[in-house]
PDB file of N, CA and C in Angstrom:
ATOM      1  N   MET A   1      36.510 -22.764 -13.835  1.00  0.00           N
ATOM      2  CA  MET A   1      35.737 -23.080 -12.637  1.00  0.00           C
ATOM      3  C   MET A   1      35.380 -21.760 -11.927  1.00  0.00           C
ATOM      4  N   HIS A   2      36.368 -20.875 -11.916  1.00  0.00           N
ATOM      5  CA  HIS A   2      36.152 -19.570 -11.279  1.00  0.00           C
ATOM      6  C   HIS A   2      35.065 -18.761 -11.984  1.00  0.00           C
ATOM      7  N   LEU A   3      35.064 -18.920 -13.271  1.00  0.00           N
ATOM      8  CA  LEU A   3      34.055 -18.273 -14.125  1.00  0.00           C
ATOM      9  C   LEU A   3      32.623 -18.578 -13.735  1.00  0.00           C
ATOM     10  N   ASN A   4      32.445 -20.010 -13.523  1.00  0.00           N
ATOM     11  CA  ASN A   4      31.218 -20.527 -13.218  1.00  0.00           C
ATOM     12  C   ASN A   4      30.742 -20.032 -11.857  1.00  0.00           C
ATOM     13  N   LEU A   5      31.611 -19.928 -10.994  1.00  0.00           N
ATOM     14  CA  LEU A   5      31.294 -19.385  -9.573  1.00  0.00           C
ATOM     15  C   LEU A   5      30.887 -17.888  -9.671  1.00  0.00           C
ATOM     16  N   ILE A   6      31.569 -17.175 -10.469  1.00  0.00           N
ATOM     17  CA  ILE A   6      31.297 -15.740 -10.586  1.00  0.00           C
ATOM     18  C   ILE A   6      29.966 -15.588 -11.253  1.00  0.00           C
ATOM     19  N   ASN A   7      29.688 -16.409 -12.321  1.00  0.00           N
ATOM     20  CA  ASN A   7      28.338 -16.345 -12.977  1.00  0.00           C
ATOM     21  C   ASN A   7      27.163 -16.610 -12.028  1.00  0.00           C
ATOM     22  N   LEU A   8      27.502 -17.722 -11.218  1.00  0.00           N
ATOM     23  CA  LEU A   8      26.508 -18.100 -10.228  1.00  0.00           C
ATOM     24  C   LEU A   8      26.179 -17.008  -9.204  1.00  0.00           C
ATOM     25  N   ALA A   9      27.301 -16.386  -8.691  1.00  0.00           N
ATOM     26  CA  ALA A   9      27.106 -15.309  -7.722  1.00  0.00           C
ATOM     27  C   ALA A   9      26.453 -14.196  -8.317  1.00  0.00           C
ATOM     28  N   LEU A  10      26.798 -13.772  -9.548  1.00  0.00           N
ATOM     29  CA  LEU A  10      26.223 -12.702 -10.150  1.00  0.00           C
ATOM     30  C   LEU A  10      24.691 -12.883 -10.433  1.00  0.00           C
ATOM     31  N   SER A  11      24.430 -14.092 -10.833  1.00  0.00           N
ATOM     32  CA  SER A  11      22.907 -14.431 -11.179  1.00  0.00           C
ATOM     33  C   SER A  11      22.179 -14.405  -9.737  1.00  0.00           C
ATOM     34  N   LEU A  12      22.824 -14.819  -8.707  1.00  0.00           N
ATOM     35  CA  LEU A  12      22.048 -14.785  -7.388  1.00  0.00           C
ATOM     36  C   LEU A  12      21.920 -13.319  -6.927  1.00  0.00           C
ATOM     37  N   VAL A  13      22.863 -12.510  -7.130  1.00  0.00           N
ATOM     38  CA  VAL A  13      22.831 -11.098  -6.721  1.00  0.00           C
ATOM     39  C   VAL A  13      21.731 -10.433  -7.514  1.00  0.00           C
ATOM     40  N   VAL A  14      21.734 -10.594  -8.839  1.00  0.00           N
ATOM     41  CA  VAL A  14      20.715 -10.025  -9.737  1.00  0.00           C
ATOM     42  C   VAL A  14      19.323 -10.411  -9.363  1.00  0.00           C
ATOM     43  N   GLY A  15      19.213 -11.707  -9.172  1.00  0.00           N
ATOM     44  CA  GLY A  15      17.851 -12.273  -8.849  1.00  0.00           C
ATOM     45  C   GLY A  15      17.427 -11.575  -7.603  1.00  0.00           C
ATOM     46  N   LYS A  16      18.249 -11.575  -6.528  1.00  0.00           N
ATOM     47  CA  LYS A  16      17.748 -11.035  -5.272  1.00  0.00           C
ATOM     48  C   LYS A  16      17.516  -9.537  -5.240  1.00  0.00           C
ATOM     49  N   SER A  17      18.322  -8.804  -6.148  1.00  0.00           N
ATOM     50  CA  SER A  17      18.080  -7.337  -6.307  1.00  0.00           C
ATOM     51  C   SER A  17      16.847  -7.174  -7.039  1.00  0.00           C
ATOM     52  N   ALA A  18      16.507  -7.986  -8.119  1.00  0.00           N
ATOM     53  CA  ALA A  18      15.295  -7.768  -8.774  1.00  0.00           C
ATOM     54  C   ALA A  18      14.082  -8.044  -7.828  1.00  0.00           C
ATOM     55  N   GLU A  19      14.217  -9.036  -7.038  1.00  0.00           N
ATOM     56  CA  GLU A  19      13.159  -9.486  -6.025  1.00  0.00           C
ATOM     57  C   GLU A  19      12.927  -8.250  -5.045  1.00  0.00           C
ATOM     58  N   ILE A  20      13.916  -7.567  -4.598  1.00  0.00           N
ATOM     59  CA  ILE A  20      13.851  -6.469  -3.657  1.00  0.00           C
ATOM     60  C   ILE A  20      13.113  -5.283  -4.350  1.00  0.00           C
ATOM     61  N   VAL A  21      13.675  -4.979  -5.518  1.00  0.00           N
ATOM     62  CA  VAL A  21      13.016  -3.865  -6.280  1.00  0.00           C
ATOM     63  C   VAL A  21      11.518  -4.110  -6.548  1.00  0.00           C
ATOM     64  N   LEU A  22      11.190  -5.312  -7.031  1.00  0.00           N
ATOM     65  CA  LEU A  22       9.847  -5.634  -7.235  1.00  0.00           C
ATOM     66  C   LEU A  22       8.911  -5.518  -5.984  1.00  0.00           C
ATOM     67  N   GLU A  23       9.464  -5.984  -4.900  1.00  0.00           N
ATOM     68  CA  GLU A  23       8.776  -5.862  -3.593  1.00  0.00           C
ATOM     69  C   GLU A  23       8.571  -4.511  -3.207  1.00  0.00           C
ATOM     70  N   LEU A  24       9.490  -3.534  -3.400  1.00  0.00           N
ATOM     71  CA  LEU A  24       9.378  -2.148  -3.115  1.00  0.00           C
ATOM     72  C   LEU A  24       8.331  -1.476  -4.009  1.00  0.00           C
ATOM     73  N   LEU A  25       8.374  -1.817  -5.292  1.00  0.00           N
ATOM     74  CA  LEU A  25       7.351  -1.249  -6.220  1.00  0.00           C
ATOM     75  C   LEU A  25       6.015  -1.679  -5.912  1.00  0.00           C
ATOM     76  N   LEU A  26       5.799  -3.026  -5.492  1.00  0.00           N
ATOM     77  CA  LEU A  26       4.444  -3.437  -5.154  1.00  0.00           C
ATOM     78  C   LEU A  26       4.049  -2.804  -3.898  1.00  0.00           C
ATOM     79  N   LYS A  27       4.866  -2.564  -2.918  1.00  0.00           N
ATOM     80  CA  LYS A  27       4.431  -1.961  -1.665  1.00  0.00           C
ATOM     81  C   LYS A  27       4.069  -0.605  -1.877  1.00  0.00           C
ATOM     82  N   LYS A  28       4.829   0.330  -2.713  1.00  0.00           N
ATOM     83  CA  LYS A  28       4.366   1.648  -3.122  1.00  0.00           C
ATOM     84  C   LYS A  28       3.031   1.651  -3.901  1.00  0.00           C
ATOM     85  N   PHE A  29       2.792   0.644  -4.759  1.00  0.00           N
ATOM     86  CA  PHE A  29       1.650   0.610  -5.626  1.00  0.00           C
ATOM     87  C   PHE A  29       0.468   0.434  -4.658  1.00  0.00           C
ATOM     88  N   TRP A  30       0.510  -0.591  -3.650  1.00  0.00           N
ATOM     89  CA  TRP A  30      -0.569  -0.871  -2.812  1.00  0.00           C
ATOM     90  C   TRP A  30      -0.836   0.315  -1.919  1.00  0.00           C
ATOM     91  N   GLN A  31       0.290   1.055  -1.404  1.00  0.00           N
ATOM     92  CA  GLN A  31      -0.014   2.150  -0.606  1.00  0.00           C
ATOM     93  C   GLN A  31      -0.780   3.241  -1.335  1.00  0.00           C
ATOM     94  N   ARG A  32      -0.436   3.490  -2.587  1.00  0.00           N
ATOM     95  CA  ARG A  32      -1.079   4.397  -3.310  1.00  0.00           C
ATOM     96  C   ARG A  32      -2.481   4.009  -3.695  1.00  0.00           C
ATOM     97  N   LEU A  33      -2.706   2.721  -3.996  1.00  0.00           N
ATOM     98  CA  LEU A  33      -4.008   2.268  -4.378  1.00  0.00           C
ATOM     99  C   LEU A  33      -4.972   2.375  -3.146  1.00  0.00           C
ATOM    100  N   LEU A  34      -4.453   2.064  -1.980  1.00  0.00           N
ATOM    101  CA  LEU A  34      -5.297   1.956  -0.849  1.00  0.00           C
ATOM    102  C   LEU A  34      -5.367   3.376  -0.053  1.00  0.00           C
ATOM    103  N   ARG A  35      -5.075   4.385  -0.752  1.00  0.00           N
ATOM    104  CA  ARG A  35      -5.310   5.698  -0.072  1.00  0.00           C
ATOM    105  C   ARG A  35      -6.775   5.929   0.046  1.00  0.00           C
ATOM    106  N   ASP A  36      -7.102   6.868   0.983  1.00  0.00           N
ATOM    107  CA  ASP A  36      -8.655   7.078   1.183  1.00  0.00           C
ATOM    108  C   ASP A  36      -9.349   7.551  -0.112  1.00  0.00           C
ATOM    109  N   GLU A  37      -8.792   8.453  -0.750  1.00  0.00           N
ATOM    110  CA  GLU A  37      -9.480   8.910  -1.917  1.00  0.00           C
ATOM    111  C   GLU A  37      -9.657   7.967  -3.004  1.00  0.00           C
ATOM    112  N   ASN A  38      -8.587   7.087  -3.215  1.00  0.00           N
ATOM    113  CA  ASN A  38      -8.777   6.102  -4.165  1.00  0.00           C
ATOM    114  C   ASN A  38      -9.794   5.009  -3.789  1.00  0.00           C
ATOM    115  N   LEU A  39      -9.913   4.685  -2.511  1.00  0.00           N
ATOM    116  CA  LEU A  39     -10.884   3.758  -1.975  1.00  0.00           C
ATOM    117  C   LEU A  39     -12.270   4.325  -2.279  1.00  0.00           C
ATOM    118  N   LYS A  40     -12.450   5.528  -2.012  1.00  0.00           N
ATOM    119  CA  LYS A  40     -13.801   6.123  -2.194  1.00  0.00           C
ATOM    120  C   LYS A  40     -14.166   6.189  -3.640  1.00  0.00           C
ATOM    121  N   ARG A  41     -13.254   6.456  -4.472  1.00  0.00           N
ATOM    122  CA  ARG A  41     -13.437   6.551  -5.896  1.00  0.00           C
ATOM    123  C   ARG A  41     -13.883   5.063  -6.432  1.00  0.00           C
ATOM    124  N   LEU A  42     -12.972   4.130  -6.034  1.00  0.00           N
ATOM    125  CA  LEU A  42     -13.342   2.708  -6.398  1.00  0.00           C
ATOM    126  C   LEU A  42     -14.586   2.230  -5.846  1.00  0.00           C
ATOM    127  N   SER A  43     -14.952   2.565  -4.692  1.00  0.00           N
ATOM    128  CA  SER A  43     -16.189   2.142  -3.969  1.00  0.00           C
ATOM    129  C   SER A  43     -17.411   2.678  -4.769  1.00  0.00           C
ATOM    130  N   THR A  44     -17.328   3.958  -5.176  1.00  0.00           N
ATOM    131  CA  THR A  44     -18.305   4.573  -5.916  1.00  0.00           C
ATOM    132  C   THR A  44     -18.535   3.977  -7.359  1.00  0.00           C
ATOM    133  N   ALA A  45     -17.377   3.722  -7.963  1.00  0.00           N
ATOM    134  CA  ALA A  45     -17.440   3.074  -9.285  1.00  0.00           C
ATOM    135  C   ALA A  45     -18.065   1.765  -9.197  1.00  0.00           C
ATOM    136  N   ILE A  46     -17.735   0.959  -8.172  1.00  0.00           N
ATOM    137  CA  ILE A  46     -18.284  -0.448  -7.950  1.00  0.00           C
ATOM    138  C   ILE A  46     -19.794  -0.258  -7.688  1.00  0.00           C
ATOM    139  N   LYS A  47     -20.238   0.673  -6.870  1.00  0.00           N
ATOM    140  CA  LYS A  47     -21.712   0.845  -6.584  1.00  0.00           C
ATOM    141  C   LYS A  47     -22.476   1.225  -7.809  1.00  0.00           C
ATOM    142  N   LEU A  48     -21.897   2.152  -8.600  1.00  0.00           N
ATOM    143  CA  LEU A  48     -22.507   2.429 -10.000  1.00  0.00           C
ATOM    144  C   LEU A  48     -22.603   1.277 -10.831  1.00  0.00           C
ATOM    145  N   LYS A  49     -21.563   0.352 -10.926  1.00  0.00           N
ATOM    146  CA  LYS A  49     -21.690  -0.717 -11.871  1.00  0.00           C
ATOM    147  C   LYS A  49     -22.753  -1.697 -11.371  1.00  0.00           C
ATOM    148  N   ILE A  50     -22.844  -1.941 -10.043  1.00  0.00           N
ATOM    149  CA  ILE A  50     -23.878  -2.803  -9.553  1.00  0.00           C
ATOM    150  C   ILE A  50     -25.268  -2.230  -9.771  1.00  0.00           C
ATOM    151  N   LEU A  51     -25.419  -0.968  -9.599  1.00  0.00           N
ATOM    152  CA  LEU A  51     -26.671  -0.349  -9.915  1.00  0.00           C
ATOM    153  C   LEU A  51     -27.087  -0.563 -11.428  1.00  0.00           C
ATOM    154  N   VAL A  52     -26.122  -0.331 -12.338  1.00  0.00           N
ATOM    155  CA  VAL A  52     -26.442  -0.622 -13.803  1.00  0.00           C
ATOM    156  C   VAL A  52     -26.672  -1.995 -14.049  1.00  0.00           C
ATOM    157  N   LEU A  53     -26.023  -2.981 -13.458  1.00  0.00           N
ATOM    158  CA  LEU A  53     -26.359  -4.341 -13.637  1.00  0.00           C
ATOM    159  C   LEU A  53     -27.683  -4.654 -13.160  1.00  0.00           C
ATOM    160  N   TYR A  54     -28.099  -4.150 -11.925  1.00  0.00           N
ATOM    161  CA  TYR A  54     -29.424  -4.385 -11.484  1.00  0.00           C
ATOM    162  C   TYR A  54     -30.601  -3.715 -12.402  1.00  0.00           C
ATOM    163  N   LEU A  55     -30.283  -2.564 -12.863  1.00  0.00           N
ATOM    164  CA  LEU A  55     -31.325  -1.958 -13.764  1.00  0.00           C
ATOM    165  C   LEU A  55     -31.351  -2.723 -15.027  1.00  0.00           C
ATOM    166  N   ASP A  56     -30.280  -3.254 -15.539  1.00  0.00           N
ATOM    167  CA  ASP A  56     -30.282  -4.017 -16.776  1.00  0.00           C
ATOM    168  C   ASP A  56     -31.039  -5.338 -16.592  1.00  0.00           C
ATOM    169  N   TRP A  57     -30.774  -5.921 -15.379  1.00  0.00           N
ATOM    170  CA  TRP A  57     -31.596  -7.052 -15.104  1.00  0.00           C
ATOM    171  C   TRP A  57     -33.057  -6.808 -15.081  1.00  0.00           C
ATOM    172  N   LEU A  58     -33.395  -5.735 -14.374  1.00  0.00           N
ATOM    173  CA  LEU A  58     -34.864  -5.413 -14.282  1.00  0.00           C
ATOM    174  C   LEU A  58     -35.448  -5.252 -15.686  1.00  0.00           C
ATOM    175  N   LEU A  59     -34.747  -4.559 -16.542  1.00  0.00           N
ATOM    176  CA  LEU A  59     -35.329  -4.323 -17.910  1.00  0.00           C
ATOM    177  C   LEU A  59     -35.405  -5.634 -18.613  1.00  0.00           C
ATOM    178  N   HIS A  60     -34.500  -6.505 -18.430  1.00  0.00           N
ATOM    179  CA  HIS A  60     -34.550  -7.858 -19.179  1.00  0.00           C
ATOM    180  C   HIS A  60     -35.587  -8.761 -18.478  1.00  0.00           C
ATOM    181  N   LYS A  61     -35.816  -8.553 -17.292  1.00  0.00           N
ATOM    182  CA  LYS A  61     -36.803  -9.431 -16.555  1.00  0.00           C
ATOM    183  C   LYS A  61     -38.228  -8.989 -16.821  1.00  0.00           C
ATOM    184  N   SER A  62     -38.438  -7.684 -17.061  1.00  0.00           N
ATOM    185  CA  SER A  62     -39.776  -7.177 -17.320  1.00  0.00           C
ATOM    186  C   SER A  62     -40.235  -7.699 -18.841  1.00  0.00           C
ATOM    187  N   GLU A  63     -41.586  -7.727 -18.904  1.00  0.00           N
ATOM    188  CA  GLU A  63     -42.113  -8.053 -20.195  1.00  0.00           C
ATOM    189  C   GLU A  63     -42.069  -6.919 -21.186  1.00  0.00           C
ATOM    190  N   PRO A  64     -42.073  -7.113 -22.393  1.00  0.00           N
ATOM    191  CA  PRO A  64     -41.841  -5.966 -23.367  1.00  0.00           C
ATOM    192  C   PRO A  64     -42.943  -4.803 -23.325  1.00  0.00           C
ATOM    193  N   GLY A  65     -44.186  -5.213 -23.086  1.00  0.00           N
ATOM    194  CA  GLY A  65     -45.221  -4.160 -23.040  1.00  0.00           C
ATOM    195  C   GLY A  65     -45.484  -3.551 -21.737  1.00  0.00           C
ATOM    196  N   GLU A  66     -44.693  -4.037 -20.720  1.00  0.00           N
ATOM    197  CA  GLU A  66     -45.020  -3.681 -19.275  1.00  0.00           C
ATOM    198  C   GLU A  66     -44.768  -2.146 -19.089  1.00  0.00           C
ATOM    199  N   TRP A  67     -43.863  -1.551 -19.823  1.00  0.00           N
ATOM    200  CA  TRP A  67     -43.491  -0.111 -19.442  1.00  0.00           C
ATOM    201  C   TRP A  67     -44.305   0.787 -20.302  1.00  0.00           C
ATOM    202  N   GLU A  68     -45.152   0.301 -21.139  1.00  0.00           N
ATOM    203  CA  GLU A  68     -46.073   1.244 -22.015  1.00  0.00           C
ATOM    204  C   GLU A  68     -47.260   1.528 -21.309  1.00  0.00           C
ATOM    205  N   GLU A  69     -47.884   2.640 -21.493  1.00  0.00           N
ATOM    206  CA  GLU A  69     -49.171   2.974 -20.963  1.00  0.00           C
ATOM    207  C   GLU A  69     -50.257   2.712 -21.808  1.00  0.00           C
TER     208      GLU A  69
END
């Protein structure tokens, strides 16, 4: 019976410790991700991807002979 209580207590302590460590790691990850230079780089990358998608859409929308002179 004492062994079951010890196992239960250990599993609760390990679970709570893992939760705290994961929370700290996620907090550091989001702080690093949301820094100014990272946001600018991500914003630029998203804008470039949107531009490429728009240009691709324009090319597919146009008729095949439309770009020839």
